[in-house]
Every structure is written in structure tokens, then in C-alpha cells.
Amino acid sequence: MLDFAASPKLLLALAIANLPLYYFIGKSFYNTWADFTDALRYFFQPGWLSAVRGEFTEDFWETLKLYLYLKLYL
């Protein structure tokens, strides 16, 4: 098994080499960059604020979608 902590240059090279893969899978989750930025906004917005604004359902689904997208890579 390769120890990536001992070779950060290898880890960086793999991350850069996988950027096209991240992009194409991201396109399947989000149709436009605006959809992705909305998901990020909901992710960092407190849940109570979304509930007050009447956006709780959208907040829940967009945050869940972002978690699933990130979980594919971590």
C-alpha cells in the first residue's frame, strides 16, 4: 500500500490528474455553476435561517446532494 502522507507530491499529482473526473461527476449532480453555488450557500447557511426564509426543504436537499458529492472523493 502506498503511504500518501510520506509523499505529498504524489497525492497532489493524483488530485490534479483526477480533476476531469471531479468535473464530469459534478456535472451529473449540478447542471450549472449556479446550482453548485446555491448548494454551497445552503451548506454554510444555518438551518434555522433557512426555516425562517421558507427554504428549509431546498436547504435539506441541496446540502444532502453536496454531502453525497463530497463523500465520493473522501
PDB file of N, CA and C in Angstrom:
ATOM      1  N   MET A   1       0.834  -1.178   0.000  1.00  0.00           N
ATOM      2  CA  MET A   1       0.000   0.000   0.000  1.00  0.00           C
ATOM      3  C   MET A   1       0.880   1.244   0.000  1.00  0.00           C
ATOM      4  N   LEU A   2       0.478   2.248  -0.754  1.00  0.00           N
ATOM      5  CA  LEU A   2       1.241   3.484  -0.803  1.00  0.00           C
ATOM      6  C   LEU A   2       0.879   4.373   0.375  1.00  0.00           C
ATOM      7  N   ASP A   3       1.868   4.954   0.985  1.00  0.00           N
ATOM      8  CA  ASP A   3       1.637   5.862   2.095  1.00  0.00           C
ATOM      9  C   ASP A   3       1.672   7.291   1.558  1.00  0.00           C
ATOM     10  N   PHE A   4       0.491   7.892   1.368  1.00  0.00           N
ATOM     11  CA  PHE A   4       0.414   9.220   0.776  1.00  0.00           C
ATOM     12  C   PHE A   4       0.941  10.304   1.703  1.00  0.00           C
ATOM     13  N   ALA A   5       0.904  10.070   3.007  1.00  0.00           N
ATOM     14  CA  ALA A   5       1.417  11.070   3.933  1.00  0.00           C
ATOM     15  C   ALA A   5       2.926  11.237   3.772  1.00  0.00           C
ATOM     16  N   ALA A   6       3.602  10.177   3.365  1.00  0.00           N
ATOM     17  CA  ALA A   6       5.042  10.249   3.172  1.00  0.00           C
ATOM     18  C   ALA A   6       5.393  10.903   1.837  1.00  0.00           C
ATOM     19  N   SER A   7       4.428  10.967   0.923  1.00  0.00           N
ATOM     20  CA  SER A   7       4.693  11.533  -0.391  1.00  0.00           C
ATOM     21  C   SER A   7       3.583  12.510  -0.785  1.00  0.00           C
ATOM     22  N   PRO A   8       3.608  13.734  -0.251  1.00  0.00           N
ATOM     23  CA  PRO A   8       2.545  14.693  -0.585  1.00  0.00           C
ATOM     24  C   PRO A   8       2.551  15.106  -2.055  1.00  0.00           C
ATOM     25  N   LYS A   9       3.696  15.012  -2.719  1.00  0.00           N
ATOM     26  CA  LYS A   9       3.749  15.350  -4.142  1.00  0.00           C
ATOM     27  C   LYS A   9       2.933  14.359  -4.959  1.00  0.00           C
ATOM     28  N   LEU A  10       2.953  13.087  -4.580  1.00  0.00           N
ATOM     29  CA  LEU A  10       2.168  12.073  -5.266  1.00  0.00           C
ATOM     30  C   LEU A  10       0.673  12.329  -5.050  1.00  0.00           C
ATOM     31  N   LEU A  11       0.295  12.688  -3.849  1.00  0.00           N
ATOM     32  CA  LEU A  11      -1.096  12.992  -3.552  1.00  0.00           C
ATOM     33  C   LEU A  11      -1.569  14.190  -4.369  1.00  0.00           C
ATOM     34  N   LEU A  12      -0.755  15.217  -4.463  1.00  0.00           N
ATOM     35  CA  LEU A  12      -1.095  16.395  -5.259  1.00  0.00           C
ATOM     36  C   LEU A  12      -1.224  16.036  -6.735  1.00  0.00           C
ATOM     37  N   ALA A  13      -0.315  15.219  -7.240  1.00  0.00           N
ATOM     38  CA  ALA A  13      -0.376  14.797  -8.640  1.00  0.00           C
ATOM     39  C   ALA A  13      -1.646  14.007  -8.925  1.00  0.00           C
ATOM     40  N   LEU A  14      -2.045  13.131  -8.010  1.00  0.00           N
ATOM     41  CA  LEU A  14      -3.272  12.360  -8.191  1.00  0.00           C
ATOM     42  C   LEU A  14      -4.505  13.255  -8.155  1.00  0.00           C
ATOM     43  N   ALA A  15      -4.513  14.230  -7.268  1.00  0.00           N
ATOM     44  CA  ALA A  15      -5.649  15.150  -7.182  1.00  0.00           C
ATOM     45  C   ALA A  15      -5.788  15.957  -8.470  1.00  0.00           C
ATOM     46  N   ILE A  16      -4.669  16.412  -9.018  1.00  0.00           N
ATOM     47  CA  ILE A  16      -4.697  17.182 -10.265  1.00  0.00           C
ATOM     48  C   ILE A  16      -5.102  16.290 -11.437  1.00  0.00           C
ATOM     49  N   ALA A  17      -4.616  15.063 -11.460  1.00  0.00           N
ATOM     50  CA  ALA A  17      -4.958  14.143 -12.541  1.00  0.00           C
ATOM     51  C   ALA A  17      -6.444  13.777 -12.528  1.00  0.00           C
ATOM     52  N   ASN A  18      -7.073  13.832 -11.359  1.00  0.00           N
ATOM     53  CA  ASN A  18      -8.484  13.462 -11.248  1.00  0.00           C
ATOM     54  C   ASN A  18      -9.435  14.645 -11.413  1.00  0.00           C
ATOM     55  N   LEU A  19      -8.945  15.837 -11.675  1.00  0.00           N
ATOM     56  CA  LEU A  19      -9.821  16.992 -11.847  1.00  0.00           C
ATOM     57  C   LEU A  19     -10.876  16.787 -12.934  1.00  0.00           C
ATOM     58  N   PRO A  20     -10.543  16.214 -14.092  1.00  0.00           N
ATOM     59  CA  PRO A  20     -11.607  15.962 -15.078  1.00  0.00           C
ATOM     60  C   PRO A  20     -12.693  15.014 -14.555  1.00  0.00           C
ATOM     61  N   LEU A  21     -12.314  14.031 -13.779  1.00  0.00           N
ATOM     62  CA  LEU A  21     -13.293  13.122 -13.192  1.00  0.00           C
ATOM     63  C   LEU A  21     -14.205  13.876 -12.219  1.00  0.00           C
ATOM     64  N   TYR A  22     -13.628  14.723 -11.380  1.00  0.00           N
ATOM     65  CA  TYR A  22     -14.422  15.535 -10.457  1.00  0.00           C
ATOM     66  C   TYR A  22     -15.408  16.411 -11.225  1.00  0.00           C
ATOM     67  N   TYR A  23     -14.947  16.967 -12.322  1.00  0.00           N
ATOM     68  CA  TYR A  23     -15.787  17.854 -13.124  1.00  0.00           C
ATOM     69  C   TYR A  23     -16.982  17.094 -13.724  1.00  0.00           C
ATOM     70  N   PHE A  24     -16.732  15.946 -14.345  1.00  0.00           N
ATOM     71  CA  PHE A  24     -17.815  15.216 -15.015  1.00  0.00           C
ATOM     72  C   PHE A  24     -18.815  14.631 -14.023  1.00  0.00           C
ATOM     73  N   ILE A  25     -18.350  14.180 -12.884  1.00  0.00           N
ATOM     74  CA  ILE A  25     -19.289  13.694 -11.872  1.00  0.00           C
ATOM     75  C   ILE A  25     -20.056  14.873 -11.272  1.00  0.00           C
ATOM     76  N   GLY A  26     -19.390  15.999 -11.105  1.00  0.00           N
ATOM     77  CA  GLY A  26     -20.072  17.196 -10.616  1.00  0.00           C
ATOM     78  C   GLY A  26     -21.155  17.667 -11.574  1.00  0.00           C
ATOM     79  N   LYS A  27     -20.919  17.518 -12.878  1.00  0.00           N
ATOM     80  CA  LYS A  27     -21.933  17.887 -13.866  1.00  0.00           C
ATOM     81  C   LYS A  27     -23.172  17.010 -13.749  1.00  0.00           C
ATOM     82  N   SER A  28     -23.012  15.763 -13.292  1.00  0.00           N
ATOM     83  CA  SER A  28     -24.178  14.900 -13.120  1.00  0.00           C
ATOM     84  C   SER A  28     -24.982  15.298 -11.880  1.00  0.00           C
ATOM     85  N   PHE A  29     -24.328  15.888 -10.886  1.00  0.00           N
ATOM     86  CA  PHE A  29     -25.020  16.353  -9.690  1.00  0.00           C
ATOM     87  C   PHE A  29     -25.632  17.735  -9.895  1.00  0.00           C
ATOM     88  N   TYR A  30     -24.900  18.614 -10.562  1.00  0.00           N
ATOM     89  CA  TYR A  30     -25.317  20.007 -10.724  1.00  0.00           C
ATOM     90  C   TYR A  30     -25.277  20.367 -12.197  1.00  0.00           C
ATOM     91  N   ASN A  31     -26.376  20.927 -12.688  1.00  0.00           N
ATOM     92  CA  ASN A  31     -26.451  21.266 -14.111  1.00  0.00           C
ATOM     93  C   ASN A  31     -25.628  22.500 -14.458  1.00  0.00           C
ATOM     94  N   THR A  32     -25.608  23.475 -13.549  1.00  0.00           N
ATOM     95  CA  THR A  32     -24.878  24.718 -13.811  1.00  0.00           C
ATOM     96  C   THR A  32     -24.048  25.085 -12.584  1.00  0.00           C
ATOM     97  N   TRP A  33     -23.157  26.058 -12.776  1.00  0.00           N
ATOM     98  CA  TRP A  33     -22.367  26.545 -11.649  1.00  0.00           C
ATOM     99  C   TRP A  33     -23.265  27.220 -10.625  1.00  0.00           C
ATOM    100  N   ALA A  34     -24.363  27.818 -11.082  1.00  0.00           N
ATOM    101  CA  ALA A  34     -25.286  28.469 -10.157  1.00  0.00           C
ATOM    102  C   ALA A  34     -25.904  27.445  -9.199  1.00  0.00           C
ATOM    103  N   ASP A  35     -26.213  26.252  -9.703  1.00  0.00           N
ATOM    104  CA  ASP A  35     -26.736  25.190  -8.832  1.00  0.00           C
ATOM    105  C   ASP A  35     -25.713  24.804  -7.771  1.00  0.00           C
ATOM    106  N   PHE A  36     -24.454  24.712  -8.184  1.00  0.00           N
ATOM    107  CA  PHE A  36     -23.397  24.359  -7.240  1.00  0.00           C
ATOM    108  C   PHE A  36     -23.192  25.449  -6.195  1.00  0.00           C
ATOM    109  N   THR A  37     -23.207  26.709  -6.608  1.00  0.00           N
ATOM    110  CA  THR A  37     -23.028  27.789  -5.643  1.00  0.00           C
ATOM    111  C   THR A  37     -24.231  27.898  -4.704  1.00  0.00           C
ATOM    112  N   ASP A  38     -25.425  27.577  -5.203  1.00  0.00           N
ATOM    113  CA  ASP A  38     -26.595  27.537  -4.314  1.00  0.00           C
ATOM    114  C   ASP A  38     -26.419  26.455  -3.258  1.00  0.00           C
ATOM    115  N   ALA A  39     -25.901  25.306  -3.656  1.00  0.00           N
ATOM    116  CA  ALA A  39     -25.658  24.224  -2.691  1.00  0.00           C
ATOM    117  C   ALA A  39     -24.637  24.658  -1.646  1.00  0.00           C
ATOM    118  N   LEU A  40     -23.604  25.363  -2.068  1.00  0.00           N
ATOM    119  CA  LEU A  40     -22.614  25.864  -1.106  1.00  0.00           C
ATOM    120  C   LEU A  40     -23.221  26.895  -0.167  1.00  0.00           C
ATOM    121  N   ARG A  41     -24.081  27.752  -0.705  1.00  0.00           N
ATOM    122  CA  ARG A  41     -24.743  28.766   0.139  1.00  0.00           C
ATOM    123  C   ARG A  41     -25.608  28.088   1.190  1.00  0.00           C
ATOM    124  N   TYR A  42     -26.383  27.095   0.787  1.00  0.00           N
ATOM    125  CA  TYR A  42     -27.217  26.375   1.746  1.00  0.00           C
ATOM    126  C   TYR A  42     -26.371  25.610   2.759  1.00  0.00           C
ATOM    127  N   PHE A  43     -25.225  25.099   2.324  1.00  0.00           N
ATOM    128  CA  PHE A  43     -24.350  24.352   3.218  1.00  0.00           C
ATOM    129  C   PHE A  43     -23.845  25.226   4.362  1.00  0.00           C
ATOM    130  N   PHE A  44     -23.462  26.458   4.043  1.00  0.00           N
ATOM    131  CA  PHE A  44     -22.906  27.352   5.051  1.00  0.00           C
ATOM    132  C   PHE A  44     -23.967  28.180   5.779  1.00  0.00           C
ATOM    133  N   GLN A  45     -25.199  28.167   5.288  1.00  0.00           N
ATOM    134  CA  GLN A  45     -26.290  28.907   5.936  1.00  0.00           C
ATOM    135  C   GLN A  45     -26.860  28.080   7.079  1.00  0.00           C
ATOM    136  N   PRO A  46     -27.074  28.675   8.245  1.00  0.00           N
ATOM    137  CA  PRO A  46     -27.658  27.915   9.360  1.00  0.00           C
ATOM    138  C   PRO A  46     -29.061  27.416   9.023  1.00  0.00           C
ATOM    139  N   GLY A  47     -29.393  26.245   9.549  1.00  0.00           N
ATOM    140  CA  GLY A  47     -30.687  25.640   9.272  1.00  0.00           C
ATOM    141  C   GLY A  47     -31.858  26.477   9.743  1.00  0.00           C
ATOM    142  N   TRP A  48     -31.702  27.155  10.870  1.00  0.00           N
ATOM    143  CA  TRP A  48     -32.811  27.975  11.377  1.00  0.00           C
ATOM    144  C   TRP A  48     -33.096  29.144  10.449  1.00  0.00           C
ATOM    145  N   LEU A  49     -32.053  29.680   9.810  1.00  0.00           N
ATOM    146  CA  LEU A  49     -32.256  30.791   8.883  1.00  0.00           C
ATOM    147  C   LEU A  49     -32.999  30.317   7.635  1.00  0.00           C
ATOM    148  N   SER A  50     -32.690  29.127   7.173  1.00  0.00           N
ATOM    149  CA  SER A  50     -33.413  28.565   6.034  1.00  0.00           C
ATOM    150  C   SER A  50     -34.883  28.352   6.383  1.00  0.00           C
ATOM    151  N   ALA A  51     -35.142  27.889   7.600  1.00  0.00           N
ATOM    152  CA  ALA A  51     -36.525  27.667   8.036  1.00  0.00           C
ATOM    153  C   ALA A  51     -37.282  28.986   8.113  1.00  0.00           C
ATOM    154  N   VAL A  52     -36.638  30.037   8.603  1.00  0.00           N
ATOM    155  CA  VAL A  52     -37.287  31.350   8.697  1.00  0.00           C
ATOM    156  C   VAL A  52     -37.599  31.888   7.300  1.00  0.00           C
ATOM    157  N   ARG A  53     -36.700  31.669   6.362  1.00  0.00           N
ATOM    158  CA  ARG A  53     -36.892  32.154   4.989  1.00  0.00           C
ATOM    159  C   ARG A  53     -37.824  31.266   4.168  1.00  0.00           C
ATOM    160  N   GLY A  54     -38.217  30.123   4.712  1.00  0.00           N
ATOM    161  CA  GLY A  54     -39.082  29.202   3.975  1.00  0.00           C
ATOM    162  C   GLY A  54     -38.332  28.366   2.963  1.00  0.00           C
ATOM    163  N   GLU A  55     -37.013  28.195   3.143  1.00  0.00           N
ATOM    164  CA  GLU A  55     -36.167  27.448   2.211  1.00  0.00           C
ATOM    165  C   GLU A  55     -35.648  26.156   2.831  1.00  0.00           C
ATOM    166  N   PHE A  56     -36.303  25.666   3.872  1.00  0.00           N
ATOM    167  CA  PHE A  56     -35.752  24.518   4.590  1.00  0.00           C
ATOM    168  C   PHE A  56     -35.660  23.270   3.715  1.00  0.00           C
ATOM    169  N   THR A  57     -36.677  22.997   2.908  1.00  0.00           N
ATOM    170  CA  THR A  57     -36.663  21.804   2.053  1.00  0.00           C
ATOM    171  C   THR A  57     -35.540  21.893   1.024  1.00  0.00           C
ATOM    172  N   GLU A  58     -35.402  23.048   0.383  1.00  0.00           N
ATOM    173  CA  GLU A  58     -34.322  23.224  -0.595  1.00  0.00           C
ATOM    174  C   GLU A  58     -32.966  23.096   0.084  1.00  0.00           C
ATOM    175  N   ASP A  59     -32.855  23.682   1.282  1.00  0.00           N
ATOM    176  CA  ASP A  59     -31.609  23.599   2.050  1.00  0.00           C
ATOM    177  C   ASP A  59     -31.264  22.147   2.335  1.00  0.00           C
ATOM    178  N   PHE A  60     -32.231  21.377   2.777  1.00  0.00           N
ATOM    179  CA  PHE A  60     -32.002  19.972   3.116  1.00  0.00           C
ATOM    180  C   PHE A  60     -31.502  19.188   1.905  1.00  0.00           C
ATOM    181  N   TRP A  61     -32.200  19.302   0.774  1.00  0.00           N
ATOM    182  CA  TRP A  61     -31.825  18.507  -0.398  1.00  0.00           C
ATOM    183  C   TRP A  61     -30.502  18.955  -1.010  1.00  0.00           C
ATOM    184  N   GLU A  62     -30.275  20.251  -1.084  1.00  0.00           N
ATOM    185  CA  GLU A  62     -29.012  20.733  -1.654  1.00  0.00           C
ATOM    186  C   GLU A  62     -27.828  20.364  -0.770  1.00  0.00           C
ATOM    187  N   THR A  63     -28.007  20.437   0.545  1.00  0.00           N
ATOM    188  CA  THR A  63     -26.934  20.044   1.454  1.00  0.00           C
ATOM    189  C   THR A  63     -26.673  18.549   1.364  1.00  0.00           C
ATOM    190  N   LEU A  64     -27.727  17.754   1.278  1.00  0.00           N
ATOM    191  CA  LEU A  64     -27.570  16.304   1.127  1.00  0.00           C
ATOM    192  C   LEU A  64     -26.839  15.969  -0.169  1.00  0.00           C
ATOM    193  N   LYS A  65     -27.199  16.644  -1.240  1.00  0.00           N
ATOM    194  CA  LYS A  65     -26.544  16.411  -2.529  1.00  0.00           C
ATOM    195  C   LYS A  65     -25.057  16.769  -2.456  1.00  0.00           C
ATOM    196  N   LEU A  66     -24.748  17.867  -1.774  1.00  0.00           N
ATOM    197  CA  LEU A  66     -23.345  18.264  -1.626  1.00  0.00           C
ATOM    198  C   LEU A  66     -22.578  17.256  -0.785  1.00  0.00           C
ATOM    199  N   TYR A  67     -23.192  16.762   0.307  1.00  0.00           N
ATOM    200  CA  TYR A  67     -22.545  15.733   1.124  1.00  0.00           C
ATOM    201  C   TYR A  67     -22.257  14.483   0.293  1.00  0.00           C
ATOM    202  N   LEU A  68     -23.214  14.058  -0.507  1.00  0.00           N
ATOM    203  CA  LEU A  68     -23.009  12.864  -1.335  1.00  0.00           C
ATOM    204  C   LEU A  68     -21.903  13.079  -2.361  1.00  0.00           C
ATOM    205  N   TYR A  69     -21.892  14.256  -2.971  1.00  0.00           N
ATOM    206  CA  TYR A  69     -20.847  14.568  -3.940  1.00  0.00           C
ATOM    207  C   TYR A  69     -19.465  14.541  -3.291  1.00  0.00           C
ATOM    208  N   LEU A  70     -19.349  15.159  -2.115  1.00  0.00           N
ATOM    209  CA  LEU A  70     -18.057  15.177  -1.416  1.00  0.00           C
ATOM    210  C   LEU A  70     -17.673  13.805  -0.893  1.00  0.00           C
ATOM    211  N   LYS A  71     -18.653  13.006  -0.501  1.00  0.00           N
ATOM    212  CA  LYS A  71     -18.371  11.678   0.038  1.00  0.00           C
ATOM    213  C   LYS A  71     -17.775  10.761  -1.037  1.00  0.00           C
ATOM    214  N   LEU A  72     -18.054  11.008  -2.273  1.00  0.00           N
ATOM    215  CA  LEU A  72     -17.471  10.210  -3.358  1.00  0.00           C
ATOM    216  C   LEU A  72     -15.946  10.345  -3.398  1.00  0.00           C
ATOM    217  N   TYR A  73     -15.431  11.457  -2.886  1.00  0.00           N
ATOM    218  CA  TYR A  73     -13.997  11.723  -3.004  1.00  0.00           C
ATOM    219  C   TYR A  73     -13.228  11.614  -1.712  1.00  0.00           C
ATOM    220  N   LEU A  74     -13.925  11.482  -0.597  1.00  0.00           N
ATOM    221  CA  LEU A  74     -13.213  11.422   0.681  1.00  0.00           C
ATOM    222  C   LEU A  74     -13.258  10.045   1.271  1.00  0.00           C
TER     223      LEU A  74
END
